[in-house]
N, C-alpha and C. Protein backbone atom coordinates (compact mmCIF):
# COMPACT_ATOMS: atom_id res chain seq x y z
N MET A 1 -5.39 4.18 15.35
CA MET A 1 -4.86 3.27 14.18
C MET A 1 -4.60 3.54 12.67
N ALA A 2 -3.49 2.58 12.35
CA ALA A 2 -3.45 3.86 11.22
C ALA A 2 -3.82 2.18 9.78
N ASN A 3 -3.88 3.27 8.64
CA ASN A 3 -5.12 2.62 8.20
C ASN A 3 -3.94 1.63 7.04
N LEU A 4 -4.64 1.92 5.96
CA LEU A 4 -3.85 0.37 4.81
C LEU A 4 -2.43 0.91 4.41
N VAL A 5 -2.86 2.42 4.33
CA VAL A 5 -1.95 3.65 3.28
C VAL A 5 -0.48 3.37 4.44
N GLU A 6 -0.85 3.77 4.93
CA GLU A 6 0.19 4.01 6.19
C GLU A 6 0.99 2.59 6.83
N GLU A 7 -0.51 1.50 6.90
CA GLU A 7 0.49 0.59 6.93
C GLU A 7 2.04 -0.17 6.09
N THR A 8 1.69 0.18 4.88
CA THR A 8 2.18 -0.13 3.60
C THR A 8 3.42 0.70 4.16
N ALA A 9 3.07 1.56 4.06
CA ALA A 9 4.47 3.12 4.40
C ALA A 9 5.26 2.11 5.02
N LEU A 10 5.10 1.86 6.38
CA LEU A 10 5.77 1.73 7.71
C LEU A 10 6.29 0.20 7.32
N LEU A 11 5.47 -0.97 6.52
CA LEU A 11 6.53 -1.60 6.43
C LEU A 11 7.34 -1.92 5.35
N ALA A 12 7.60 -0.96 4.51
CA ALA A 12 8.31 -0.58 3.29
C ALA A 12 9.43 0.25 3.82
N TYR A 13 9.51 0.85 4.86
CA TYR A 13 10.59 1.84 5.85
C TYR A 13 11.59 0.85 6.67
N ARG A 14 12.61 0.69 6.33
CA ARG A 14 13.58 -0.06 7.19
C ARG A 14 14.18 0.66 8.59
N ASP A 15 13.48 0.20 9.47
CA ASP A 15 13.86 0.56 11.02
C ASP A 15 15.05 0.86 11.44
N ASP A 16 16.01 -0.01 10.60
CA ASP A 16 17.81 0.60 11.27
C ASP A 16 18.27 1.54 9.89
N THR A 17 18.36 1.33 8.25
CA THR A 17 18.38 3.03 7.80
C THR A 17 17.62 4.02 7.63
N GLY A 18 16.06 3.26 8.37
CA GLY A 18 15.44 4.66 7.78
C GLY A 18 14.66 5.09 6.18
N ARG A 19 15.08 4.31 5.63
CA ARG A 19 14.98 4.69 4.31
C ARG A 19 14.05 3.34 3.17
N ASN A 20 13.31 3.52 2.30
CA ASN A 20 12.45 2.87 1.65
C ASN A 20 13.45 1.95 1.07
N ALA A 21 12.60 0.59 1.60
CA ALA A 21 13.13 -0.73 0.38
C ALA A 21 12.73 -1.06 -0.28
N VAL A 22 11.44 -1.08 -1.15
CA VAL A 22 10.65 -1.22 -1.84
C VAL A 22 10.56 -0.14 -2.88
N GLN A 23 10.75 -1.31 -4.54
CA GLN A 23 10.96 -0.64 -5.90
C GLN A 23 9.05 -0.31 -5.77
N HIS A 24 8.67 0.82 -6.11
CA HIS A 24 7.40 1.43 -7.15
C HIS A 24 7.04 1.49 -5.38
N LEU A 25 7.54 1.76 -4.57
CA LEU A 25 6.13 1.99 -3.27
C LEU A 25 5.07 2.97 -3.86
N GLU A 26 5.02 3.93 -4.19
CA GLU A 26 4.01 5.05 -4.64
C GLU A 26 3.36 4.03 -5.51
N LEU A 27 2.89 3.06 -6.05
CA LEU A 27 2.12 2.85 -6.57
C LEU A 27 1.52 1.56 -5.67
N GLY A 28 2.07 1.31 -5.07
CA GLY A 28 1.69 0.25 -4.08
C GLY A 28 0.59 1.21 -3.15
N LEU A 29 1.07 2.01 -2.35
CA LEU A 29 0.51 3.27 -1.60
C LEU A 29 -0.67 3.63 -2.61
N ALA A 30 -0.72 3.53 -3.30
CA ALA A 30 -2.07 4.69 -4.40
C ALA A 30 -2.91 2.99 -4.20
N GLY A 31 -2.69 1.84 -4.66
CA GLY A 31 -3.34 0.85 -4.58
C GLY A 31 -4.10 0.32 -3.03
N ALA A 32 -3.02 1.04 -1.94
CA ALA A 32 -3.63 0.85 -0.64
C ALA A 32 -4.98 1.79 -0.55
N ALA A 33 -4.59 3.28 -0.87
CA ALA A 33 -5.91 3.81 -0.60
C ALA A 33 -7.27 3.50 -1.66
N LEU A 34 -7.11 2.48 -2.26
CA LEU A 34 -7.88 2.15 -2.98
C LEU A 34 -8.74 1.13 -2.35
N LEU A 35 -8.10 0.15 -1.78
CA LEU A 35 -8.32 -1.01 -0.85
C LEU A 35 -9.18 -0.23 0.37
N GLU A 36 -8.24 0.98 1.18
CA GLU A 36 -9.01 1.24 2.25
C GLU A 36 -10.38 1.94 2.16
N LEU A 37 -10.70 2.80 0.65
CA LEU A 37 -11.91 3.20 1.19
C LEU A 37 -12.55 2.44 0.35
N THR A 38 -12.47 1.19 -0.08
CA THR A 38 -13.32 -0.20 -0.63
C THR A 38 -13.77 -0.17 0.48
N LEU A 39 -12.86 -0.90 1.58
CA LEU A 39 -13.37 -0.81 2.83
C LEU A 39 -14.12 -0.21 3.85
N ALA A 40 -13.84 1.01 3.45
CA ALA A 40 -14.64 2.12 4.21
C ALA A 40 -15.99 2.26 3.43
N GLY A 41 -16.48 1.94 2.54
CA GLY A 41 -18.17 1.79 2.02
C GLY A 41 -17.82 3.26 1.00
N ARG A 42 -16.73 3.48 0.95
CA ARG A 42 -16.92 4.65 0.44
C ARG A 42 -16.94 4.60 -1.55
N ILE A 43 -15.83 3.41 -1.84
CA ILE A 43 -15.99 3.11 -3.64
C ILE A 43 -16.25 1.89 -3.69
N ASP A 44 -16.74 1.50 -5.01
CA ASP A 44 -16.50 0.37 -5.77
C ASP A 44 -16.29 0.01 -6.90
N VAL A 45 -16.65 -1.17 -7.58
CA VAL A 45 -15.83 -1.27 -9.41
C VAL A 45 -16.99 -1.57 -9.83
N ASP A 46 -17.55 -1.02 -10.79
CA ASP A 46 -18.89 -1.35 -11.65
C ASP A 46 -18.23 -2.78 -12.57
N THR A 47 -19.33 -3.39 -13.11
CA THR A 47 -19.09 -4.19 -14.13
C THR A 47 -17.94 -3.94 -15.23
N SER A 48 -17.55 -2.70 -15.68
CA SER A 48 -16.89 -2.51 -17.14
C SER A 48 -15.53 -2.42 -16.10
N GLY A 49 -15.42 -2.26 -14.27
CA GLY A 49 -13.85 -2.14 -13.95
C GLY A 49 -13.41 -1.03 -13.68
N ARG A 50 -14.45 -0.24 -13.36
CA ARG A 50 -14.53 1.15 -13.50
C ARG A 50 -15.18 1.78 -11.66
N VAL A 51 -13.92 2.30 -11.29
CA VAL A 51 -14.24 2.83 -9.54
C VAL A 51 -14.60 4.11 -9.95
N VAL A 52 -16.43 3.25 -9.06
CA VAL A 52 -17.18 4.62 -8.95
C VAL A 52 -17.36 4.99 -7.03
N VAL A 53 -17.78 6.16 -7.13
CA VAL A 53 -18.14 6.58 -5.80
C VAL A 53 -19.11 5.86 -5.25
N LEU A 54 -19.16 5.46 -4.00
CA LEU A 54 -20.79 5.13 -3.06
C LEU A 54 -21.08 5.89 -2.33
N ASN A 55 -20.18 7.16 -2.04
CA ASN A 55 -20.17 7.82 -0.91
C ASN A 55 -18.93 8.50 -0.53
N PRO A 56 -19.25 9.97 -0.67
CA PRO A 56 -18.33 10.74 -0.70
C PRO A 56 -17.66 11.08 0.40
N GLY A 57 -18.63 11.30 2.06
CA GLY A 57 -18.34 11.43 3.05
C GLY A 57 -16.81 11.01 3.36
N PRO A 58 -16.30 11.86 4.03
CA PRO A 58 -14.42 11.75 4.53
C PRO A 58 -14.65 10.42 5.44
N THR A 59 -13.22 9.89 5.73
CA THR A 59 -13.29 8.98 6.48
C THR A 59 -12.39 8.90 8.00
N GLY A 60 -11.81 10.43 7.63
CA GLY A 60 -11.21 10.97 9.15
C GLY A 60 -9.78 11.00 8.89
N HIS A 61 -9.52 10.10 7.69
CA HIS A 61 -7.84 9.94 7.39
C HIS A 61 -7.26 10.79 6.08
N PRO A 62 -6.63 12.04 6.39
CA PRO A 62 -6.05 13.37 5.52
C PRO A 62 -6.23 12.29 3.92
N VAL A 63 -4.74 11.54 3.86
CA VAL A 63 -4.29 11.21 2.90
C VAL A 63 -5.63 9.98 2.03
N THR A 64 -6.31 9.53 2.61
CA THR A 64 -7.40 8.71 1.76
C THR A 64 -8.74 9.85 1.37
N ASP A 65 -9.04 10.42 2.09
CA ASP A 65 -9.95 11.68 1.98
C ASP A 65 -9.14 12.39 0.74
N THR A 66 -8.03 13.07 0.66
CA THR A 66 -7.74 13.40 -0.32
C THR A 66 -7.81 12.63 -2.02
N CYS A 67 -7.55 11.36 -1.69
CA CYS A 67 -7.57 10.73 -3.04
C CYS A 67 -9.42 10.82 -3.18
N LEU A 68 -9.80 10.33 -2.00
CA LEU A 68 -11.74 10.42 -1.96
C LEU A 68 -11.89 11.65 -2.97
N ALA A 69 -11.74 12.51 -2.59
CA ALA A 69 -11.86 14.23 -3.13
C ALA A 69 -11.71 13.64 -4.60
N ARG A 70 -10.12 13.19 -5.25
CA ARG A 70 -10.17 13.44 -6.63
C ARG A 70 -10.77 12.33 -7.19
N ILE A 71 -11.25 11.12 -6.80
CA ILE A 71 -12.09 10.50 -7.62
C ILE A 71 -13.55 11.13 -7.29
N SER A 72 -13.95 11.67 -6.53
CA SER A 72 -14.95 11.86 -6.97
C SER A 72 -15.20 12.87 -7.98
N ALA A 73 -14.44 13.71 -8.19
CA ALA A 73 -14.37 15.35 -8.68
C ALA A 73 -14.14 14.64 -10.17
N ASP A 74 -13.71 13.80 -10.28
CA ASP A 74 -13.16 13.21 -11.73
C ASP A 74 -13.89 12.06 -12.47
N LYS A 75 -13.80 12.13 -14.25
CA LYS A 75 -14.54 11.05 -14.51
C LYS A 75 -14.63 9.42 -13.94
N PRO A 76 -15.53 8.75 -14.26
CA PRO A 76 -15.28 7.11 -13.70
C PRO A 76 -14.16 6.62 -14.37
N ARG A 77 -12.67 5.82 -14.01
CA ARG A 77 -11.74 5.67 -14.45
C ARG A 77 -11.56 4.30 -14.19
N LYS A 78 -11.10 3.11 -14.70
CA LYS A 78 -10.29 1.74 -14.07
C LYS A 78 -9.35 2.02 -13.10
N ALA A 79 -9.30 1.18 -12.30
CA ALA A 79 -8.48 1.13 -10.84
C ALA A 79 -7.05 1.58 -11.15
N LYS A 80 -6.37 0.58 -12.77
CA LYS A 80 -4.88 0.65 -13.08
C LYS A 80 -4.94 2.03 -13.06
N SER A 81 -5.82 3.17 -14.21
CA SER A 81 -5.76 4.21 -13.92
C SER A 81 -5.94 5.22 -12.84
N TRP A 82 -6.23 4.76 -11.99
CA TRP A 82 -6.34 5.36 -10.47
C TRP A 82 -5.25 5.27 -9.89
N VAL A 83 -4.52 3.89 -9.78
CA VAL A 83 -3.27 3.61 -9.38
C VAL A 83 -2.37 4.46 -9.28
N GLN A 84 -2.17 4.81 -10.95
CA GLN A 84 -1.01 5.87 -11.41
C GLN A 84 -1.33 7.33 -11.34
N LYS A 85 -2.63 7.51 -11.30
CA LYS A 85 -3.10 9.14 -10.55
C LYS A 85 -2.60 9.34 -9.84
N LEU A 86 -3.11 8.24 -8.46
CA LEU A 86 -3.33 9.19 -7.08
C LEU A 86 -1.78 8.39 -7.18
N SER A 87 -0.84 7.97 -7.30
CA SER A 87 0.50 7.46 -6.70
C SER A 87 1.77 8.79 -6.59
N ARG A 88 1.14 9.99 -7.68
CA ARG A 88 2.21 11.36 -7.95
C ARG A 88 2.18 11.74 -6.85
N GLY A 89 3.16 11.73 -6.23
CA GLY A 89 3.71 12.78 -4.50
C GLY A 89 2.68 11.94 -3.63
N LEU A 90 2.47 10.71 -3.44
CA LEU A 90 1.63 10.56 -2.46
C LEU A 90 2.55 9.93 -1.42
N LYS A 91 3.87 9.30 -1.77
CA LYS A 91 4.45 8.90 -0.80
C LYS A 91 4.97 9.85 0.61
N ASN A 92 5.30 11.04 -0.28
CA ASN A 92 5.78 12.25 0.85
C ASN A 92 4.57 12.49 1.67
N GLN A 93 3.30 12.82 1.12
CA GLN A 93 1.75 12.68 2.07
C GLN A 93 2.13 12.25 2.75
N VAL A 94 2.21 11.06 2.66
CA VAL A 94 1.95 9.66 3.88
C VAL A 94 3.37 9.96 4.89
N LEU A 95 4.25 10.11 4.08
CA LEU A 95 5.55 9.99 5.57
C LEU A 95 4.98 11.37 6.69
N GLU A 96 4.87 12.66 5.48
CA GLU A 96 3.96 13.76 6.85
C GLU A 96 3.35 13.47 7.40
N THR A 97 2.27 12.54 7.35
CA THR A 97 1.06 12.48 8.15
C THR A 97 1.37 11.28 9.12
N LEU A 98 2.36 10.80 8.68
CA LEU A 98 2.76 9.43 9.88
C LEU A 98 3.84 10.42 10.80
N VAL A 99 4.59 11.04 10.22
CA VAL A 99 5.51 12.12 10.86
C VAL A 99 5.15 13.06 12.10
N ASP A 100 3.50 13.06 11.72
CA ASP A 100 2.26 14.83 12.71
C ASP A 100 1.63 13.47 13.33
N GLN A 101 1.82 12.73 13.08
CA GLN A 101 1.26 11.47 14.11
C GLN A 101 2.35 10.81 15.06
N HIS A 102 3.34 11.25 15.55
CA HIS A 102 4.16 11.22 15.92
C HIS A 102 4.80 9.33 15.62
N ILE A 103 4.74 8.72 14.64
CA ILE A 103 4.17 7.26 14.42
C ILE A 103 5.96 6.87 14.05
N LEU A 104 6.57 8.25 13.37
CA LEU A 104 7.85 8.25 12.85
C LEU A 104 8.32 9.78 12.67
N THR A 105 9.79 9.70 12.85
CA THR A 105 10.87 10.58 12.93
C THR A 105 11.24 11.12 11.72
N HIS A 106 11.64 12.61 11.14
CA HIS A 106 11.90 12.53 9.88
C HIS A 106 13.12 13.39 10.47
N HIS A 107 14.45 12.56 9.44
CA HIS A 107 15.75 12.95 9.89
C HIS A 107 16.58 13.60 8.55
N ARG A 108 17.20 14.85 8.03
CA ARG A 108 17.71 14.82 7.23
C ARG A 108 19.31 14.39 6.93
N ASP A 109 19.95 14.08 6.27
CA ASP A 109 21.19 13.25 5.79
C ASP A 109 21.57 13.64 4.82
N ALA A 110 22.72 13.49 4.67
CA ALA A 110 23.20 13.86 3.25
C ALA A 110 24.32 12.55 2.84
N VAL A 111 24.70 12.42 1.61
CA VAL A 111 25.62 11.27 1.05
C VAL A 111 26.98 12.11 0.71
N LEU A 112 28.47 11.74 1.61
CA LEU A 112 29.23 12.61 1.13
C LEU A 112 29.46 13.82 1.60
N GLY A 113 28.23 14.49 2.36
CA GLY A 113 28.62 15.36 2.94
C GLY A 113 27.57 16.43 2.72
N PHE A 114 27.32 16.13 1.42
CA PHE A 114 26.58 17.15 0.88
C PHE A 114 24.97 16.83 -0.08
N ILE A 115 25.34 15.55 -0.76
CA ILE A 115 24.12 15.10 -1.48
C ILE A 115 22.87 14.78 -0.27
N PRO A 116 22.11 15.77 -0.49
CA PRO A 116 20.84 15.52 0.70
C PRO A 116 20.07 14.26 0.81
N PHE A 117 19.29 13.66 1.32
CA PHE A 117 18.17 12.54 1.65
C PHE A 117 17.42 12.80 3.15
N ASN A 118 16.63 11.97 2.69
CA ASN A 118 15.76 11.88 4.12
C ASN A 118 15.64 10.40 4.75
N ARG A 119 15.67 10.50 6.27
CA ARG A 119 15.90 9.07 7.06
C ARG A 119 14.05 9.18 7.95
N TYR A 120 13.17 8.07 7.86
CA TYR A 120 12.24 7.51 8.44
C TYR A 120 12.40 7.02 9.26
N ARG A 121 11.97 7.03 10.79
CA ARG A 121 12.41 6.09 11.17
C ARG A 121 11.60 5.64 12.48
N PRO A 122 11.43 4.62 13.26
CA PRO A 122 9.81 4.76 13.99
C PRO A 122 10.71 5.93 15.75
N ALA A 123 9.10 6.54 15.65
CA ALA A 123 8.94 7.32 16.79
C ALA A 123 8.31 6.40 18.02
N ASP A 124 7.14 5.17 17.54
CA ASP A 124 6.37 4.96 18.43
C ASP A 124 6.59 3.41 17.75
N ALA A 125 7.56 2.56 18.32
CA ALA A 125 7.74 1.36 17.24
C ALA A 125 6.36 0.15 17.38
N ARG A 126 5.81 0.72 18.25
CA ARG A 126 4.19 -0.24 18.69
C ARG A 126 3.40 -0.44 17.45
N VAL A 127 2.95 0.93 16.90
CA VAL A 127 2.59 0.94 15.66
C VAL A 127 2.90 -0.46 14.65
N GLU A 128 3.91 -0.64 14.48
CA GLU A 128 4.43 -1.13 13.30
C GLU A 128 4.97 -2.54 13.79
N ALA A 129 4.96 -2.86 14.88
CA ALA A 129 5.18 -4.07 15.78
C ALA A 129 3.86 -4.78 15.91
N ASP A 130 2.68 -4.00 15.75
CA ASP A 130 1.36 -4.34 15.61
C ASP A 130 1.18 -4.42 14.82
N ILE A 131 1.55 -4.30 13.31
CA ILE A 131 0.79 -4.59 12.22
C ILE A 131 1.79 -5.84 11.79
N ARG A 132 3.31 -5.91 11.94
CA ARG A 132 4.16 -7.02 11.57
C ARG A 132 3.77 -8.18 12.61
N SER A 133 3.40 -8.05 13.62
CA SER A 133 2.32 -9.37 13.98
C SER A 133 1.22 -9.68 13.59
N ARG A 134 0.34 -8.74 13.19
CA ARG A 134 -0.81 -9.56 12.51
C ARG A 134 -0.64 -10.09 11.57
N LEU A 135 0.44 -9.65 10.50
CA LEU A 135 0.39 -10.21 9.24
C LEU A 135 1.32 -11.27 9.59
N GLU A 136 1.93 -11.65 10.56
CA GLU A 136 3.01 -13.04 10.44
C GLU A 136 1.87 -14.06 11.33
N GLN A 137 0.72 -13.35 12.57
CA GLN A 137 -0.02 -14.11 12.60
C GLN A 137 -0.80 -14.86 11.18
N ALA A 138 -0.99 -13.96 10.96
CA ALA A 138 -1.89 -14.62 9.29
C ALA A 138 -1.27 -15.36 9.02
N VAL A 139 -0.05 -15.37 8.42
CA VAL A 139 1.07 -16.08 7.45
C VAL A 139 0.98 -17.67 8.43
N THR A 140 2.05 -17.17 8.99
CA THR A 140 2.47 -18.63 9.78
C THR A 140 1.17 -19.14 10.56
N HIS A 141 0.44 -18.88 11.11
CA HIS A 141 -0.67 -19.74 11.27
C HIS A 141 -2.15 -19.92 10.87
N ARG A 142 -2.03 -18.70 10.20
CA ARG A 142 -3.92 -18.62 9.27
C ARG A 142 -4.86 -18.13 10.32
N VAL A 143 -4.15 -17.36 11.35
CA VAL A 143 -5.28 -16.92 12.88
C VAL A 143 -4.94 -15.33 12.52
N GLY A 144 -6.63 -14.90 12.60
CA GLY A 144 -7.08 -13.31 13.12
C GLY A 144 -6.82 -12.61 11.74
N ILE A 145 -7.36 -13.63 10.61
CA ILE A 145 -7.74 -13.08 9.11
C ILE A 145 -8.77 -12.24 8.81
N ASP A 146 -8.99 -11.03 9.20
CA ASP A 146 -9.99 -10.57 9.35
C ASP A 146 -10.30 -9.58 7.27
N GLU A 147 -11.04 -8.81 6.98
CA GLU A 147 -10.74 -8.40 5.11
C GLU A 147 -9.79 -7.11 5.68
N ARG A 148 -8.91 -6.69 6.48
CA ARG A 148 -7.86 -5.55 6.85
C ARG A 148 -7.07 -6.37 6.36
N THR A 149 -6.48 -6.90 7.29
CA THR A 149 -5.38 -7.99 7.00
C THR A 149 -5.10 -8.71 5.66
N ALA A 150 -6.34 -9.29 5.01
CA ALA A 150 -6.40 -9.94 3.87
C ALA A 150 -6.17 -8.83 2.73
N ALA A 151 -6.65 -7.36 2.98
CA ALA A 151 -6.26 -6.71 2.30
C ALA A 151 -4.93 -6.04 1.98
N LEU A 152 -4.04 -6.43 3.24
CA LEU A 152 -2.88 -5.93 3.53
C LEU A 152 -1.82 -7.16 3.19
N ALA A 153 -2.28 -8.39 3.08
CA ALA A 153 -1.48 -8.96 2.53
C ALA A 153 -1.50 -9.13 0.97
N GLY A 154 -2.69 -9.04 0.47
CA GLY A 154 -2.89 -8.34 -0.80
C GLY A 154 -1.61 -7.41 -1.44
N LEU A 155 -1.13 -6.76 -0.49
CA LEU A 155 -0.87 -5.43 -0.68
C LEU A 155 0.96 -6.06 -0.92
N VAL A 156 1.06 -6.54 0.53
CA VAL A 156 3.02 -7.16 0.31
C VAL A 156 2.99 -7.86 -0.87
N TYR A 157 1.70 -8.97 -1.27
CA TYR A 157 2.04 -9.63 -2.28
C TYR A 157 2.30 -8.68 -3.65
N ALA A 158 1.68 -7.63 -4.21
CA ALA A 158 0.94 -7.16 -5.13
C ALA A 158 2.47 -6.37 -5.46
N THR A 159 2.73 -5.86 -4.26
CA THR A 159 4.35 -4.88 -3.89
C THR A 159 5.96 -5.70 -4.10
N GLN A 160 5.83 -7.13 -3.79
CA GLN A 160 6.68 -7.81 -3.48
C GLN A 160 7.57 -7.56 -2.63
N MET A 161 6.89 -6.87 -1.92
CA MET A 161 7.31 -6.42 -0.73
C MET A 161 7.80 -7.55 0.70
N GLU A 162 7.75 -8.94 0.34
CA GLU A 162 7.41 -9.89 1.14
C GLU A 162 8.97 -10.06 2.31
N LYS A 163 9.88 -9.57 0.96
CA LYS A 163 10.72 -10.02 2.06
C LYS A 163 11.27 -9.19 3.42
N ILE A 164 11.10 -7.57 3.19
CA ILE A 164 11.08 -7.06 4.36
C ILE A 164 9.39 -6.88 5.28
N ALA A 165 8.47 -7.53 4.62
CA ALA A 165 7.87 -7.48 5.41
C ALA A 165 7.44 -8.85 6.69
N LEU A 166 8.30 -10.03 5.85
CA LEU A 166 8.53 -11.00 6.57
C LEU A 166 9.49 -11.75 6.25
N PRO A 167 10.39 -11.25 7.44
CA PRO A 167 12.11 -11.43 6.97
C PRO A 167 12.36 -13.19 7.39
N GLY A 168 11.39 -13.70 8.57
CA GLY A 168 11.63 -14.94 8.89
C GLY A 168 11.26 -15.75 7.70
N HIS A 169 10.58 -15.24 6.55
CA HIS A 169 10.20 -17.05 5.83
C HIS A 169 10.66 -16.95 4.51
N LYS A 170 10.56 -18.00 3.70
CA LYS A 170 11.02 -18.38 2.72
C LYS A 170 10.08 -17.63 1.79
N ARG A 171 11.15 -17.11 0.29
CA ARG A 171 10.22 -16.25 -0.58
C ARG A 171 8.81 -16.96 -1.08
N ARG A 172 8.92 -18.41 -1.38
CA ARG A 172 8.52 -18.68 -2.39
C ARG A 172 7.06 -19.08 -1.57
N GLU A 173 7.40 -19.58 -1.04
CA GLU A 173 6.43 -19.89 0.60
C GLU A 173 5.53 -18.96 1.02
N ALA A 174 6.27 -17.58 1.23
CA ALA A 174 5.38 -16.55 1.74
C ALA A 174 4.87 -15.93 0.80
N ARG A 175 5.06 -15.71 -0.18
CA ARG A 175 4.16 -15.30 -1.87
C ARG A 175 2.97 -16.24 -2.02
N LYS A 176 3.02 -17.59 -1.86
CA LYS A 176 2.20 -18.61 -2.02
C LYS A 176 1.01 -18.68 -0.76
N THR A 177 1.49 -18.49 0.46
CA THR A 177 0.52 -17.88 1.27
C THR A 177 -0.40 -16.47 1.38
N LEU A 178 0.92 -15.25 0.93
CA LEU A 178 -0.13 -14.13 0.71
C LEU A 178 -0.92 -14.30 -0.19
N LYS A 179 -0.73 -14.79 -1.59
CA LYS A 179 -2.27 -14.98 -2.31
C LYS A 179 -2.91 -15.78 -1.79
N GLU A 180 -3.38 -16.52 -1.47
CA GLU A 180 -4.15 -17.47 -0.89
C GLU A 180 -4.74 -16.85 0.16
N ILE A 181 -3.81 -15.59 1.30
CA ILE A 181 -5.30 -14.76 1.92
C ILE A 181 -5.78 -14.10 1.25
N SER A 182 -5.37 -13.56 0.37
CA SER A 182 -5.50 -12.36 -0.59
C SER A 182 -6.80 -13.00 -1.54
N GLU A 183 -6.81 -13.86 -2.04
CA GLU A 183 -8.06 -14.58 -2.65
C GLU A 183 -9.15 -14.95 -2.00
N THR A 184 -9.15 -15.06 -0.38
CA THR A 184 -10.21 -16.64 -0.13
C THR A 184 -10.38 -15.81 1.42
N SER A 185 -9.66 -14.72 1.99
CA SER A 185 -10.45 -14.26 2.96
C SER A 185 -11.34 -13.28 2.81
N TRP A 186 -12.21 -13.56 2.26
CA TRP A 186 -13.76 -12.04 2.08
C TRP A 186 -14.87 -12.66 2.38
N ALA A 187 -15.75 -11.02 3.50
CA ALA A 187 -16.89 -11.43 3.89
C ALA A 187 -18.08 -11.91 2.71
N THR A 188 -17.62 -10.84 1.59
CA THR A 188 -18.69 -10.98 0.41
C THR A 188 -18.07 -10.98 -1.13
N THR A 189 -18.93 -11.35 -1.50
CA THR A 189 -18.49 -11.33 -3.29
C THR A 189 -18.18 -10.08 -3.97
N ALA A 190 -18.97 -8.63 -3.45
CA ALA A 190 -18.86 -7.63 -4.38
C ALA A 190 -17.47 -7.23 -3.52
N THR A 191 -16.87 -7.21 -2.55
CA THR A 191 -15.44 -6.83 -1.68
C THR A 191 -14.46 -7.20 -2.39
N LYS A 192 -14.64 -8.57 -2.45
CA LYS A 192 -13.46 -9.51 -3.03
C LYS A 192 -13.78 -8.75 -4.64
N LYS A 193 -14.64 -8.78 -5.33
CA LYS A 193 -14.27 -8.27 -6.50
C LYS A 193 -13.70 -6.90 -6.66
N ALA A 194 -14.04 -6.00 -5.33
CA ALA A 194 -13.33 -4.69 -5.85
C ALA A 194 -11.78 -4.41 -5.52
N ILE A 195 -11.35 -5.81 -3.66
CA ILE A 195 -10.19 -5.47 -3.79
C ILE A 195 -9.30 -6.38 -4.64
N GLN A 196 -9.68 -6.96 -5.22
CA GLN A 196 -8.73 -7.93 -6.30
C GLN A 196 -8.57 -7.02 -7.73
N ALA A 197 -9.61 -6.30 -7.78
CA ALA A 197 -9.38 -5.02 -8.85
C ALA A 197 -8.16 -3.86 -8.55
N ALA A 198 -8.29 -3.66 -7.54
CA ALA A 198 -7.47 -2.69 -7.04
C ALA A 198 -6.09 -3.69 -6.57
N GLN A 199 -6.05 -4.73 -6.21
CA GLN A 199 -4.84 -5.37 -6.25
C GLN A 199 -3.84 -5.69 -7.47
N ALA A 200 -5.02 -5.92 -8.39
CA ALA A 200 -4.20 -6.41 -9.80
C ALA A 200 -3.74 -4.84 -10.36
N ALA A 201 -4.59 -3.97 -10.37
CA ALA A 201 -4.11 -2.74 -10.66
C ALA A 201 -2.40 -2.60 -10.06
N VAL A 202 -2.51 -2.85 -9.12
CA VAL A 202 -1.30 -2.17 -8.67
C VAL A 202 -0.48 -3.42 -9.02
N THR A 203 -0.44 -4.60 -9.30
CA THR A 203 0.70 -5.08 -9.78
C THR A 203 0.39 -4.83 -11.24
N ALA A 204 -0.57 -4.57 -12.13
CA ALA A 204 0.33 -4.25 -13.62
C ALA A 204 0.56 -3.11 -13.27
N SER A 205 0.34 -2.47 -12.99
CA SER A 205 0.98 -0.69 -12.85
C SER A 205 3.00 -0.86 -12.48
N ILE A 206 2.79 -1.73 -11.36
CA ILE A 206 4.84 -1.75 -11.20
C ILE A 206 4.67 -2.94 -12.38
N ALA A 207 4.13 -3.80 -12.86
CA ALA A 207 5.28 -4.19 -14.25
C ALA A 207 5.34 -3.55 -15.05
N ALA A 208 4.38 -2.79 -15.51
CA ALA A 208 4.68 -1.41 -16.71
C ALA A 208 5.74 -0.47 -16.31
N ALA A 209 6.04 0.17 -14.75
CA ALA A 209 6.98 0.86 -14.62
C ALA A 209 7.92 0.19 -14.38
N ALA A 210 8.36 -1.21 -14.03
CA ALA A 210 9.16 -1.84 -14.13
C ALA A 210 9.79 -2.23 -15.65
N SER A 211 9.14 -2.92 -16.49
CA SER A 211 9.35 -2.69 -17.99
C SER A 211 9.76 -1.58 -18.66
N ALA A 212 9.33 -0.43 -18.14
CA ALA A 212 9.71 0.98 -18.65
C ALA A 212 10.72 1.12 -18.14
N GLY A 213 11.56 0.77 -17.16
CA GLY A 213 12.56 1.33 -16.22
C GLY A 213 14.03 0.50 -16.85
N ALA A 214 13.59 -0.68 -16.99
CA ALA A 214 14.48 -1.31 -17.94
C ALA A 214 14.69 -1.67 -19.60
N ALA A 215 13.78 -0.65 -19.95
CA ALA A 215 14.06 -0.06 -21.66
C ALA A 215 14.54 0.84 -21.94
N SER A 216 14.29 2.32 -20.37
CA SER A 216 14.88 3.19 -20.37
C SER A 216 16.53 2.65 -20.03
N GLY A 217 16.80 2.03 -19.19
CA GLY A 217 18.03 1.36 -19.00
C GLY A 217 18.69 1.02 -20.32
N GLY A 218 18.24 0.00 -20.15
CA GLY A 218 18.95 -0.65 -22.03
C GLY A 218 19.15 0.32 -23.28
N SER A 219 18.26 1.28 -23.53
CA SER A 219 18.49 2.05 -24.51
C SER A 219 19.66 3.13 -24.20
N SER A 220 20.38 3.41 -22.83
CA SER A 220 21.33 4.38 -22.68
C SER A 220 22.39 4.14 -22.64
């Protein structure tokens, strides 16, 4: 079963082109790692908004276990800081894991015959199909919404990837529903607080990255 980090990556990559269609995906993947570790009972957010480790034991997923080890070895930091720190190099780690699991295939290609780039296409289309079906059922029919699906809905909302994740929906309506699902579908108040802190960290980090990119582009 794919975890939230892998699910986010699978939704972001187009099946036809094998390319990422989501800006600042690395930040979304880092947020997904925090959400996955929260759902697994490994981390929480204290009253000051800092991420604290509850259980340093491995989850069984290489990428999230690497993230957990980094959090455990460092001082307590706020979720936004961890989203930014964990994001560096995370996309390649996730893609390599999905290739190793035979969920994606890796193809090397080139633009104009000499500029190299990578494509990642489904090797086992059932995995992504199950993810999309779960999200579609939640958004369209409000059924099958467990905490994991609610967390995924929040990630889709925070990374603004509803166009690729839910292509048959009008964007404004999809975002409204995703936001509602991510805000209401929690079993405990404590879990809701930690999850929403991670989601807010992704949103803030993406906004900061977009602003920095716009400022850089405007000054050149």
